[in-house]
Amino acid sequence: YAFASLIGCVGLLTLINLLTTSVLERSREIGIWRSM
């Protein structure tokens, strides 16, 4: 269970990093969506 929790925490941090990077890379698209 300790290993599973550690793997869950790594997955959480990886997904946060991936989505934050995606927001930064797609900021122009977000601006276009919002302007539309």
Full PDB file with SEQRES, HELIX, SHEET, SSBOND, CRYST1, ORIGX, SCALE, CONECT and MASTER records, all heavy atoms in Angstrom:
SEQRES   1 A   36  TYR ALA PHE ALA SER LEU ILE GLY CYS VAL GLY LEU LEU          
SEQRES   2 A   36  THR LEU ILE ASN LEU LEU THR THR SER VAL LEU GLU ARG          
SEQRES   3 A   36  SER ARG GLU ILE GLY ILE TRP ARG SER MET                      
HELIX    1 AA1 ALA A    2  GLU A   25  1                                  24    
HELIX    2 AA2 SER A   27  SER A   35  1                                   9    
CRYST1    1.000    1.000    1.000  90.00  90.00  90.00 P 1           1          
ORIGX1      1.000000  0.000000  0.000000        0.00000                         
ORIGX2      0.000000  1.000000  0.000000        0.00000                         
ORIGX3      0.000000  0.000000  1.000000        0.00000                         
SCALE1      1.000000  0.000000  0.000000        0.00000                         
SCALE2      0.000000  1.000000  0.000000        0.00000                         
SCALE3      0.000000  0.000000  1.000000        0.00000                         
ATOM      1  N   TYR A   1       0.830  -1.207   0.000  1.00  0.00           N  
ATOM      2  CA  TYR A   1       0.000   0.000   0.000  1.00  0.00           C  
ATOM      3  C   TYR A   1       0.867   1.261   0.000  1.00  0.00           C  
ATOM      4  O   TYR A   1       0.511   2.253  -0.639  1.00  0.00           O  
ATOM      5  CB  TYR A   1      -0.957   0.019   1.198  1.00  0.00           C  
ATOM      6  CG  TYR A   1      -2.201  -0.792   0.980  1.00  0.00           C  
ATOM      7  CD1 TYR A   1      -2.494  -1.878   1.797  1.00  0.00           C  
ATOM      8  CD2 TYR A   1      -3.097  -0.488  -0.040  1.00  0.00           C  
ATOM      9  CE1 TYR A   1      -3.635  -2.636   1.609  1.00  0.00           C  
ATOM     10  CE2 TYR A   1      -4.237  -1.237  -0.234  1.00  0.00           C  
ATOM     11  CZ  TYR A   1      -4.508  -2.302   0.581  1.00  0.00           C  
ATOM     12  OH  TYR A   1      -5.642  -3.049   0.385  1.00  0.00           O  
ATOM     13  N   ALA A   2       1.994   1.219   0.689  1.00  0.00           N  
ATOM     14  CA  ALA A   2       2.908   2.361   0.694  1.00  0.00           C  
ATOM     15  C   ALA A   2       3.474   2.594  -0.704  1.00  0.00           C  
ATOM     16  O   ALA A   2       3.554   3.735  -1.173  1.00  0.00           O  
ATOM     17  CB  ALA A   2       4.034   2.145   1.695  1.00  0.00           C  
ATOM     18  N   PHE A   3       3.856   1.524  -1.399  1.00  0.00           N  
ATOM     19  CA  PHE A   3       4.343   1.659  -2.771  1.00  0.00           C  
ATOM     20  C   PHE A   3       3.252   2.202  -3.690  1.00  0.00           C  
ATOM     21  O   PHE A   3       3.513   3.058  -4.543  1.00  0.00           O  
ATOM     22  CB  PHE A   3       4.858   0.323  -3.314  1.00  0.00           C  
ATOM     23  CG  PHE A   3       6.213  -0.065  -2.815  1.00  0.00           C  
ATOM     24  CD1 PHE A   3       6.474  -1.375  -2.467  1.00  0.00           C  
ATOM     25  CD2 PHE A   3       7.235   0.860  -2.699  1.00  0.00           C  
ATOM     26  CE1 PHE A   3       7.725  -1.752  -2.004  1.00  0.00           C  
ATOM     27  CE2 PHE A   3       8.489   0.506  -2.242  1.00  0.00           C  
ATOM     28  CZ  PHE A   3       8.732  -0.812  -1.889  1.00  0.00           C  
ATOM     29  N   ALA A   4       2.032   1.705  -3.533  1.00  0.00           N  
ATOM     30  CA  ALA A   4       0.920   2.182  -4.356  1.00  0.00           C  
ATOM     31  C   ALA A   4       0.656   3.662  -4.106  1.00  0.00           C  
ATOM     32  O   ALA A   4       0.395   4.424  -5.051  1.00  0.00           O  
ATOM     33  CB  ALA A   4      -0.337   1.358  -4.085  1.00  0.00           C  
ATOM     34  N   SER A   5       0.749   4.103  -2.855  1.00  0.00           N  
ATOM     35  CA  SER A   5       0.558   5.519  -2.536  1.00  0.00           C  
ATOM     36  C   SER A   5       1.656   6.372  -3.149  1.00  0.00           C  
ATOM     37  O   SER A   5       1.393   7.459  -3.675  1.00  0.00           O  
ATOM     38  CB  SER A   5       0.536   5.728  -1.018  1.00  0.00           C  
ATOM     39  OG  SER A   5      -0.522   5.028  -0.448  1.00  0.00           O  
ATOM     40  N   LEU A   6       2.878   5.877  -3.101  1.00  0.00           N  
ATOM     41  CA  LEU A   6       3.998   6.597  -3.708  1.00  0.00           C  
ATOM     42  C   LEU A   6       3.810   6.721  -5.217  1.00  0.00           C  
ATOM     43  O   LEU A   6       4.023   7.797  -5.795  1.00  0.00           O  
ATOM     44  CB  LEU A   6       5.317   5.880  -3.392  1.00  0.00           C  
ATOM     45  CG  LEU A   6       6.585   6.531  -3.895  1.00  0.00           C  
ATOM     46  CD1 LEU A   6       6.787   7.889  -3.228  1.00  0.00           C  
ATOM     47  CD2 LEU A   6       7.772   5.628  -3.624  1.00  0.00           C  
ATOM     48  N   ILE A   7       3.374   5.665  -5.845  1.00  0.00           N  
ATOM     49  CA  ILE A   7       3.117   5.698  -7.286  1.00  0.00           C  
ATOM     50  C   ILE A   7       1.978   6.666  -7.604  1.00  0.00           C  
ATOM     51  O   ILE A   7       2.030   7.404  -8.599  1.00  0.00           O  
ATOM     52  CB  ILE A   7       2.817   4.279  -7.814  1.00  0.00           C  
ATOM     53  CG1 ILE A   7       4.091   3.434  -7.772  1.00  0.00           C  
ATOM     54  CG2 ILE A   7       2.255   4.313  -9.229  1.00  0.00           C  
ATOM     55  CD1 ILE A   7       3.874   1.962  -8.006  1.00  0.00           C  
ATOM     56  N   GLY A   8       0.948   6.703  -6.758  1.00  0.00           N  
ATOM     57  CA  GLY A   8      -0.148   7.656  -6.946  1.00  0.00           C  
ATOM     58  C   GLY A   8       0.331   9.095  -6.846  1.00  0.00           C  
ATOM     59  O   GLY A   8      -0.090   9.954  -7.620  1.00  0.00           O  
ATOM     60  N   CYS A   9       1.220   9.371  -5.890  1.00  0.00           N  
ATOM     61  CA  CYS A   9       1.771  10.737  -5.749  1.00  0.00           C  
ATOM     62  C   CYS A   9       2.608  11.124  -6.961  1.00  0.00           C  
ATOM     63  O   CYS A   9       2.532  12.265  -7.433  1.00  0.00           O  
ATOM     64  CB  CYS A   9       2.605  10.838  -4.473  1.00  0.00           C  
ATOM     65  SG  CYS A   9       1.625  10.809  -2.975  1.00  0.00           S  
ATOM     66  N   VAL A  10       3.395  10.201  -7.470  1.00  0.00           N  
ATOM     67  CA  VAL A  10       4.190  10.475  -8.667  1.00  0.00           C  
ATOM     68  C   VAL A  10       3.265  10.750  -9.853  1.00  0.00           C  
ATOM     69  O   VAL A  10       3.499  11.675 -10.637  1.00  0.00           O  
ATOM     70  CB  VAL A  10       5.157   9.306  -8.970  1.00  0.00           C  
ATOM     71  CG1 VAL A  10       5.789   9.439 -10.338  1.00  0.00           C  
ATOM     72  CG2 VAL A  10       6.228   9.214  -7.894  1.00  0.00           C  
ATOM     73  N   GLY A  11       2.198   9.961  -9.975  1.00  0.00           N  
ATOM     74  CA  GLY A  11       1.233  10.186 -11.043  1.00  0.00           C  
ATOM     75  C   GLY A  11       0.556  11.538 -10.924  1.00  0.00           C  
ATOM     76  O   GLY A  11       0.339  12.237 -11.914  1.00  0.00           O  
ATOM     77  N   LEU A  12       0.217  11.932  -9.690  1.00  0.00           N  
ATOM     78  CA  LEU A  12      -0.403  13.239  -9.436  1.00  0.00           C  
ATOM     79  C   LEU A  12       0.518  14.364  -9.887  1.00  0.00           C  
ATOM     80  O   LEU A  12       0.102  15.265 -10.629  1.00  0.00           O  
ATOM     81  CB  LEU A  12      -0.733  13.365  -7.948  1.00  0.00           C  
ATOM     82  CG  LEU A  12      -1.269  14.714  -7.489  1.00  0.00           C  
ATOM     83  CD1 LEU A  12      -2.743  14.810  -7.807  1.00  0.00           C  
ATOM     84  CD2 LEU A  12      -1.042  14.888  -6.005  1.00  0.00           C  
ATOM     85  N   LEU A  13       1.765  14.318  -9.467  1.00  0.00           N  
ATOM     86  CA  LEU A  13       2.716  15.374  -9.831  1.00  0.00           C  
ATOM     87  C   LEU A  13       2.994  15.394 -11.336  1.00  0.00           C  
ATOM     88  O   LEU A  13       3.120  16.467 -11.938  1.00  0.00           O  
ATOM     89  CB  LEU A  13       4.018  15.203  -9.045  1.00  0.00           C  
ATOM     90  CG  LEU A  13       3.891  15.424  -7.536  1.00  0.00           C  
ATOM     91  CD1 LEU A  13       5.198  15.081  -6.845  1.00  0.00           C  
ATOM     92  CD2 LEU A  13       3.468  16.843  -7.226  1.00  0.00           C  
ATOM     93  N   THR A  14       3.082  14.234 -11.938  1.00  0.00           N  
ATOM     94  CA  THR A  14       3.317  14.164 -13.383  1.00  0.00           C  
ATOM     95  C   THR A  14       2.147  14.770 -14.151  1.00  0.00           C  
ATOM     96  O   THR A  14       2.351  15.520 -15.118  1.00  0.00           O  
ATOM     97  CB  THR A  14       3.544  12.703 -13.814  1.00  0.00           C  
ATOM     98  OG1 THR A  14       4.653  12.176 -13.091  1.00  0.00           O  
ATOM     99  CG2 THR A  14       3.797  12.604 -15.301  1.00  0.00           C  
ATOM    100  N   LEU A  15       0.933  14.453 -13.741  1.00  0.00           N  
ATOM    101  CA  LEU A  15      -0.239  14.992 -14.428  1.00  0.00           C  
ATOM    102  C   LEU A  15      -0.357  16.497 -14.230  1.00  0.00           C  
ATOM    103  O   LEU A  15      -0.698  17.224 -15.172  1.00  0.00           O  
ATOM    104  CB  LEU A  15      -1.508  14.280 -13.954  1.00  0.00           C  
ATOM    105  CG  LEU A  15      -2.776  14.559 -14.750  1.00  0.00           C  
ATOM    106  CD1 LEU A  15      -2.595  14.188 -16.217  1.00  0.00           C  
ATOM    107  CD2 LEU A  15      -3.942  13.778 -14.162  1.00  0.00           C  
ATOM    108  N   ILE A  16      -0.056  16.996 -13.033  1.00  0.00           N  
ATOM    109  CA  ILE A  16      -0.064  18.441 -12.801  1.00  0.00           C  
ATOM    110  C   ILE A  16       0.941  19.110 -13.727  1.00  0.00           C  
ATOM    111  O   ILE A  16       0.630  20.123 -14.375  1.00  0.00           O  
ATOM    112  CB  ILE A  16       0.252  18.765 -11.321  1.00  0.00           C  
ATOM    113  CG1 ILE A  16      -0.913  18.392 -10.419  1.00  0.00           C  
ATOM    114  CG2 ILE A  16       0.579  20.243 -11.155  1.00  0.00           C  
ATOM    115  CD1 ILE A  16      -0.596  18.489  -8.938  1.00  0.00           C  
ATOM    116  N   ASN A  17       2.142  18.563 -13.812  1.00  0.00           N  
ATOM    117  CA  ASN A  17       3.179  19.125 -14.679  1.00  0.00           C  
ATOM    118  C   ASN A  17       2.754  19.105 -16.144  1.00  0.00           C  
ATOM    119  O   ASN A  17       2.918  20.092 -16.865  1.00  0.00           O  
ATOM    120  CB  ASN A  17       4.488  18.357 -14.484  1.00  0.00           C  
ATOM    121  CG  ASN A  17       5.633  18.945 -15.269  1.00  0.00           C  
ATOM    122  OD1 ASN A  17       5.707  20.153 -15.458  1.00  0.00           O  
ATOM    123  ND2 ASN A  17       6.523  18.095 -15.716  1.00  0.00           N  
ATOM    124  N   LEU A  18       2.192  18.001 -16.582  1.00  0.00           N  
ATOM    125  CA  LEU A  18       1.774  17.862 -17.975  1.00  0.00           C  
ATOM    126  C   LEU A  18       0.670  18.858 -18.320  1.00  0.00           C  
ATOM    127  O   LEU A  18       0.736  19.533 -19.365  1.00  0.00           O  
ATOM    128  CB  LEU A  18       1.294  16.436 -18.228  1.00  0.00           C  
ATOM    129  CG  LEU A  18       0.875  16.123 -19.650  1.00  0.00           C  
ATOM    130  CD1 LEU A  18       2.116  16.028 -20.528  1.00  0.00           C  
ATOM    131  CD2 LEU A  18       0.096  14.844 -19.697  1.00  0.00           C  
ATOM    132  N   LEU A  19      -0.330  18.991 -17.459  1.00  0.00           N  
ATOM    133  CA  LEU A  19      -1.436  19.902 -17.748  1.00  0.00           C  
ATOM    134  C   LEU A  19      -1.002  21.366 -17.654  1.00  0.00           C  
ATOM    135  O   LEU A  19      -1.458  22.199 -18.440  1.00  0.00           O  
ATOM    136  CB  LEU A  19      -2.611  19.622 -16.815  1.00  0.00           C  
ATOM    137  CG  LEU A  19      -3.321  18.283 -17.038  1.00  0.00           C  
ATOM    138  CD1 LEU A  19      -4.389  18.059 -15.990  1.00  0.00           C  
ATOM    139  CD2 LEU A  19      -3.912  18.207 -18.439  1.00  0.00           C  
ATOM    140  N   THR A  20      -0.129  21.691 -16.707  1.00  0.00           N  
ATOM    141  CA  THR A  20       0.375  23.065 -16.604  1.00  0.00           C  
ATOM    142  C   THR A  20       1.166  23.432 -17.848  1.00  0.00           C  
ATOM    143  O   THR A  20       1.007  24.529 -18.395  1.00  0.00           O  
ATOM    144  CB  THR A  20       1.247  23.221 -15.343  1.00  0.00           C  
ATOM    145  OG1 THR A  20       0.446  22.895 -14.199  1.00  0.00           O  
ATOM    146  CG2 THR A  20       1.765  24.626 -15.205  1.00  0.00           C  
ATOM    147  N   THR A  21       1.991  22.513 -18.314  1.00  0.00           N  
ATOM    148  CA  THR A  21       2.751  22.749 -19.540  1.00  0.00           C  
ATOM    149  C   THR A  21       1.819  22.903 -20.737  1.00  0.00           C  
ATOM    150  O   THR A  21       2.031  23.757 -21.596  1.00  0.00           O  
ATOM    151  CB  THR A  21       3.742  21.593 -19.777  1.00  0.00           C  
ATOM    152  OG1 THR A  21       4.583  21.466 -18.636  1.00  0.00           O  
ATOM    153  CG2 THR A  21       4.589  21.828 -21.010  1.00  0.00           C  
ATOM    154  N   SER A  22       0.780  22.095 -20.772  1.00  0.00           N  
ATOM    155  CA  SER A  22      -0.189  22.182 -21.856  1.00  0.00           C  
ATOM    156  C   SER A  22      -0.893  23.535 -21.862  1.00  0.00           C  
ATOM    157  O   SER A  22      -1.114  24.126 -22.930  1.00  0.00           O  
ATOM    158  CB  SER A  22      -1.210  21.050 -21.725  1.00  0.00           C  
ATOM    159  OG  SER A  22      -2.141  21.089 -22.774  1.00  0.00           O  
ATOM    160  N   VAL A  23      -1.240  24.052 -20.682  1.00  0.00           N  
ATOM    161  CA  VAL A  23      -1.875  25.374 -20.599  1.00  0.00           C  
ATOM    162  C   VAL A  23      -0.914  26.445 -21.130  1.00  0.00           C  
ATOM    163  O   VAL A  23      -1.311  27.328 -21.903  1.00  0.00           O  
ATOM    164  CB  VAL A  23      -2.302  25.696 -19.151  1.00  0.00           C  
ATOM    165  CG1 VAL A  23      -2.685  27.158 -18.994  1.00  0.00           C  
ATOM    166  CG2 VAL A  23      -3.473  24.809 -18.749  1.00  0.00           C  
ATOM    167  N   LEU A  24       0.355  26.375 -20.726  1.00  0.00           N  
ATOM    168  CA  LEU A  24       1.328  27.373 -21.176  1.00  0.00           C  
ATOM    169  C   LEU A  24       1.562  27.298 -22.676  1.00  0.00           C  
ATOM    170  O   LEU A  24       1.676  28.324 -23.352  1.00  0.00           O  
ATOM    171  CB  LEU A  24       2.651  27.194 -20.419  1.00  0.00           C  
ATOM    172  CG  LEU A  24       2.614  27.549 -18.941  1.00  0.00           C  
ATOM    173  CD1 LEU A  24       3.924  27.162 -18.269  1.00  0.00           C  
ATOM    174  CD2 LEU A  24       2.319  29.028 -18.752  1.00  0.00           C  
ATOM    175  N   GLU A  25       1.674  26.099 -23.218  1.00  0.00           N  
ATOM    176  CA  GLU A  25       1.925  25.936 -24.652  1.00  0.00           C  
ATOM    177  C   GLU A  25       0.716  26.323 -25.500  1.00  0.00           C  
ATOM    178  O   GLU A  25       0.874  26.713 -26.659  1.00  0.00           O  
ATOM    179  CB  GLU A  25       2.311  24.487 -24.952  1.00  0.00           C  
ATOM    180  CG  GLU A  25       3.689  24.117 -24.461  1.00  0.00           C  
ATOM    181  CD  GLU A  25       4.019  22.654 -24.712  1.00  0.00           C  
ATOM    182  OE1 GLU A  25       3.104  21.872 -25.088  1.00  0.00           O  
ATOM    183  OE2 GLU A  25       5.189  22.285 -24.515  1.00  0.00           O  
ATOM    184  N   ARG A  26      -0.469  26.205 -24.953  1.00  0.00           N  
ATOM    185  CA  ARG A  26      -1.678  26.474 -25.733  1.00  0.00           C  
ATOM    186  C   ARG A  26      -2.329  27.791 -25.346  1.00  0.00           C  
ATOM    187  O   ARG A  26      -3.514  27.982 -25.561  1.00  0.00           O  
ATOM    188  CB  ARG A  26      -2.650  25.315 -25.529  1.00  0.00           C  
ATOM    189  CG  ARG A  26      -2.092  24.018 -26.104  1.00  0.00           C  
ATOM    190  CD  ARG A  26      -2.807  22.799 -25.641  1.00  0.00           C  
ATOM    191  NE  ARG A  26      -4.170  22.731 -26.125  1.00  0.00           N  
ATOM    192  CZ  ARG A  26      -5.028  21.808 -25.745  1.00  0.00           C  
ATOM    193  NH1 ARG A  26      -4.666  20.891 -24.883  1.00  0.00           N  
ATOM    194  NH2 ARG A  26      -6.245  21.798 -26.214  1.00  0.00           N  
ATOM    195  N   SER A  27      -1.559  28.698 -24.799  1.00  0.00           N  
ATOM    196  CA  SER A  27      -2.145  29.965 -24.351  1.00  0.00           C  
ATOM    197  C   SER A  27      -2.745  30.749 -25.514  1.00  0.00           C  
ATOM    198  O   SER A  27      -3.785  31.387 -25.364  1.00  0.00           O  
ATOM    199  CB  SER A  27      -1.105  30.799 -23.606  1.00  0.00           C  
ATOM    200  OG  SER A  27      -0.031  31.127 -24.445  1.00  0.00           O  
ATOM    201  N   ARG A  28      -2.128  30.706 -26.674  1.00  0.00           N  
ATOM    202  CA  ARG A  28      -2.693  31.407 -27.835  1.00  0.00           C  
ATOM    203  C   ARG A  28      -4.039  30.794 -28.229  1.00  0.00           C  
ATOM    204  O   ARG A  28      -4.992  31.516 -28.525  1.00  0.00           O  
ATOM    205  CB  ARG A  28      -1.721  31.386 -28.994  1.00  0.00           C  
ATOM    206  CG  ARG A  28      -2.174  32.244 -30.154  1.00  0.00           C  
ATOM    207  CD  ARG A  28      -0.988  32.543 -31.062  1.00  0.00           C  
ATOM    208  NE  ARG A  28      -1.358  33.357 -32.190  1.00  0.00           N  
ATOM    209  CZ  ARG A  28      -1.433  34.674 -32.171  1.00  0.00           C  
ATOM    210  NH1 ARG A  28      -1.165  35.317 -31.067  1.00  0.00           N  
ATOM    211  NH2 ARG A  28      -1.760  35.354 -33.251  1.00  0.00           N  
ATOM    212  N   GLU A  29      -4.124  29.470 -28.238  1.00  0.00           N  
ATOM    213  CA  GLU A  29      -5.397  28.799 -28.528  1.00  0.00           C  
ATOM    214  C   GLU A  29      -6.459  29.202 -27.504  1.00  0.00           C  
ATOM    215  O   GLU A  29      -7.616  29.419 -27.868  1.00  0.00           O  
ATOM    216  CB  GLU A  29      -5.222  27.279 -28.478  1.00  0.00           C  
ATOM    217  CG  GLU A  29      -4.444  26.691 -29.612  1.00  0.00           C  
ATOM    218  CD  GLU A  29      -4.268  25.193 -29.441  1.00  0.00           C  
ATOM    219  OE1 GLU A  29      -5.240  24.521 -29.006  1.00  0.00           O  
ATOM    220  OE2 GLU A  29      -3.179  24.693 -29.728  1.00  0.00           O  
ATOM    221  N   ILE A  30      -6.066  29.268 -26.244  1.00  0.00           N  
ATOM    222  CA  ILE A  30      -7.006  29.665 -25.192  1.00  0.00           C  
ATOM    223  C   ILE A  30      -7.514  31.077 -25.463  1.00  0.00           C  
ATOM    224  O   ILE A  30      -8.712  31.360 -25.334  1.00  0.00           O  
ATOM    225  CB  ILE A  30      -6.334  29.570 -23.800  1.00  0.00           C  
ATOM    226  CG1 ILE A  30      -6.013  28.117 -23.471  1.00  0.00           C  
ATOM    227  CG2 ILE A  30      -7.236  30.168 -22.723  1.00  0.00           C  
ATOM    228  CD1 ILE A  30      -5.125  27.939 -22.259  1.00  0.00           C  
ATOM    229  N   GLY A  31      -6.621  31.966 -25.873  1.00  0.00           N  
ATOM    230  CA  GLY A  31      -7.031  33.331 -26.198  1.00  0.00           C  
ATOM    231  C   GLY A  31      -8.009  33.368 -27.352  1.00  0.00           C  
ATOM    232  O   GLY A  31      -8.991  34.124 -27.328  1.00  0.00           O  
ATOM    233  N   ILE A  32      -7.769  32.556 -28.361  1.00  0.00           N  
ATOM    234  CA  ILE A  32      -8.680  32.501 -29.510  1.00  0.00           C  
ATOM    235  C   ILE A  32     -10.032  31.944 -29.079  1.00  0.00           C  
ATOM    236  O   ILE A  32     -11.083  32.467 -29.468  1.00  0.00           O  
ATOM    237  CB  ILE A  32      -8.057  31.680 -30.657  1.00  0.00           C  
ATOM    238  CG1 ILE A  32      -6.831  32.418 -31.218  1.00  0.00           C  
ATOM    239  CG2 ILE A  32      -9.072  31.399 -31.749  1.00  0.00           C  
ATOM    240  CD1 ILE A  32      -6.003  31.606 -32.185  1.00  0.00           C  
ATOM    241  N   TRP A  33     -10.018  30.886 -28.272  1.00  0.00           N  
ATOM    242  CA  TRP A  33     -11.287  30.317 -27.785  1.00  0.00           C  
ATOM    243  C   TRP A  33     -12.069  31.357 -27.012  1.00  0.00           C  
ATOM    244  O   TRP A  33     -13.277  31.511 -27.204  1.00  0.00           O  
ATOM    245  CB  TRP A  33     -11.054  29.119 -26.873  1.00  0.00           C  
ATOM    246  CG  TRP A  33     -10.478  27.894 -27.516  1.00  0.00           C  
ATOM    247  CD1 TRP A  33     -10.518  27.547 -28.821  1.00  0.00           C  
ATOM    248  CD2 TRP A  33      -9.763  26.858 -26.847  1.00  0.00           C  
ATOM    249  NE1 TRP A  33      -9.871  26.361 -29.023  1.00  0.00           N  
ATOM    250  CE2 TRP A  33      -9.400  25.912 -27.822  1.00  0.00           C  
ATOM    251  CE3 TRP A  33      -9.388  26.634 -25.527  1.00  0.00           C  
ATOM    252  CZ2 TRP A  33      -8.685  24.759 -27.519  1.00  0.00           C  
ATOM    253  CZ3 TRP A  33      -8.688  25.483 -25.234  1.00  0.00           C  
ATOM    254  CH2 TRP A  33      -8.337  24.560 -26.210  1.00  0.00           C  
ATOM    255  N   ARG A  34     -11.364  32.055 -26.129  1.00  0.00           N  
ATOM    256  CA  ARG A  34     -12.036  33.053 -25.290  1.00  0.00           C  
ATOM    257  C   ARG A  34     -12.571  34.207 -26.140  1.00  0.00           C  
ATOM    258  O   ARG A  34     -13.657  34.718 -25.883  1.00  0.00           O  
ATOM    259  CB  ARG A  34     -11.071  33.596 -24.217  1.00  0.00           C  
ATOM    260  CG  ARG A  34     -10.602  32.593 -23.184  1.00  0.00           C  
ATOM    261  CD  ARG A  34     -11.716  32.076 -22.280  1.00  0.00           C  
ATOM    262  NE  ARG A  34     -12.418  33.107 -21.554  1.00  0.00           N  
ATOM    263  CZ  ARG A  34     -12.080  33.567 -20.364  1.00  0.00           C  
ATOM    264  NH1 ARG A  34     -11.062  33.060 -19.732  1.00  0.00           N  
ATOM    265  NH2 ARG A  34     -12.781  34.523 -19.787  1.00  0.00           N  
ATOM    266  N   SER A  35     -11.815  34.631 -27.169  1.00  0.00           N  
ATOM    267  CA  SER A  35     -12.278  35.736 -28.019  1.00  0.00           C  
ATOM    268  C   SER A  35     -13.469  35.324 -28.874  1.00  0.00           C  
ATOM    269  O   SER A  35     -14.247  36.167 -29.305  1.00  0.00           O  
ATOM    270  CB  SER A  35     -11.140  36.252 -28.896  1.00  0.00           C  
ATOM    271  OG  SER A  35     -10.750  35.269 -29.824  1.00  0.00           O  
ATOM    272  N   MET A  36     -13.614  34.023 -29.103  1.00  0.00           N  
ATOM    273  CA  MET A  36     -14.753  33.528 -29.881  1.00  0.00           C  
ATOM    274  C   MET A  36     -15.965  33.252 -28.997  1.00  0.00           C  
ATOM    275  O   MET A  36     -17.000  32.810 -29.489  1.00  0.00           O  
ATOM    276  CB  MET A  36     -14.354  32.255 -30.637  1.00  0.00           C  
ATOM    277  CG  MET A  36     -13.317  32.515 -31.725  1.00  0.00           C  
ATOM    278  SD  MET A  36     -12.760  31.029 -32.534  1.00  0.00           S  
ATOM    279  CE  MET A  36     -14.254  30.453 -33.299  1.00  0.00           C  
TER     280      MET A  36                                                      
MASTER        0    0    0    2    0    0    0    6  279    1    0    3          
END                                                                             
